[in-house]
């Protein structure tokens, strides 16, 4: 299926067109709780009481009720507070909240702990990291309160988001460490000026490389050090979209000169008729539609080349930054490894051409 998109050179905005590829939606983060918190099967130390409440002999029932109510109020208010870590198990941390005990699952811990451990020893498991937190205090927010089931869950990750999300903005560049890698992308922990990794963002598969990425694990692995740029922030859903490839130059620049150097007897302005070249699939139809636009009087074709890397299998089309001469503008078309110059003779300016191409892309199936 032809999917045409218009990509600009470095100084021009892209043409949106209904015929271009539908952007892959920003995929949701994995579920934060992958299991029922082990707090439900734990017992308060020395009492045999269900986890979620402390020593029954030390705290009357009305105190337990008051603390459950306090936990609900803290959740509703989104409060951040510090809690002491009592124990660690394979699933996370047991913390003290007044007369109650709560649980912080490993997926809801701040990435700062994991990154610190990985930098010291890449093979160190998260369980060893959490043991080091026993006896310390961590900043958390209430994630879930269920008095009937004696379930009290806290999130250090949510507390980190509330504290640090206001410090990032689109266009910021960070050093990062790759965490989990999935088929749709990789999660990268961001290093802040204090040297700790407080927040995590997603590098979608489409933002990993200019190469055609079929398997993210061919490019990124857990523990890799990378540099990323922030491309989107969703404050309501606590999500950060990151890109690696946008820190690199598109391998096909505004001309073909770096893809296929000119020979001494070649002219960069040689035009060829459609009968002399094998056009990229779908390009002929787009050019015929362009000739129907007011102000465009001729369409010719120039050099063809093969790129070293496959950037996309779909047809892409954008304006070159080559200076227009004699009312002739240069477009560039790319599909797979093939690239081709297209020359438009027109009385339109760049803005007029952008609008014309936008209309054409909206008509071409």
Foldseek 3Di string as FASTA:
>chain_A
DFAEWADAFPPDHTFDAPRHDDDDDDDDDPDLDPDDDCQLVDAAPPDRHRAFFHHCVVDPPVRSVVQLVVLVVQQVVVDKDKWAWAAADPFATWTDRPRHIATEGPSQAFCQQVLVVCVVPVPDDVRVSRRVRHGHMAIWGWDDGDVVSSHTYIGSLSVLLVVCVVVDDAFDKFKWFWADADQQFTKTFGQDPVRTGGAIATAGQLQEALFNDRGVVVRDDGGDIAMWGWHDADSVSGHTYIHRHVVDDNPCHLDCCVQPPDDPPDDQPDWDACVVDDDDPPPVQLVVQLCVDPFWPDKTWGDKGFGPGFRAQHKYKYWGPPDDDQQKTWMWIDHGRMIIIMITRGPDDPVVVSVSSNVSSHPRD
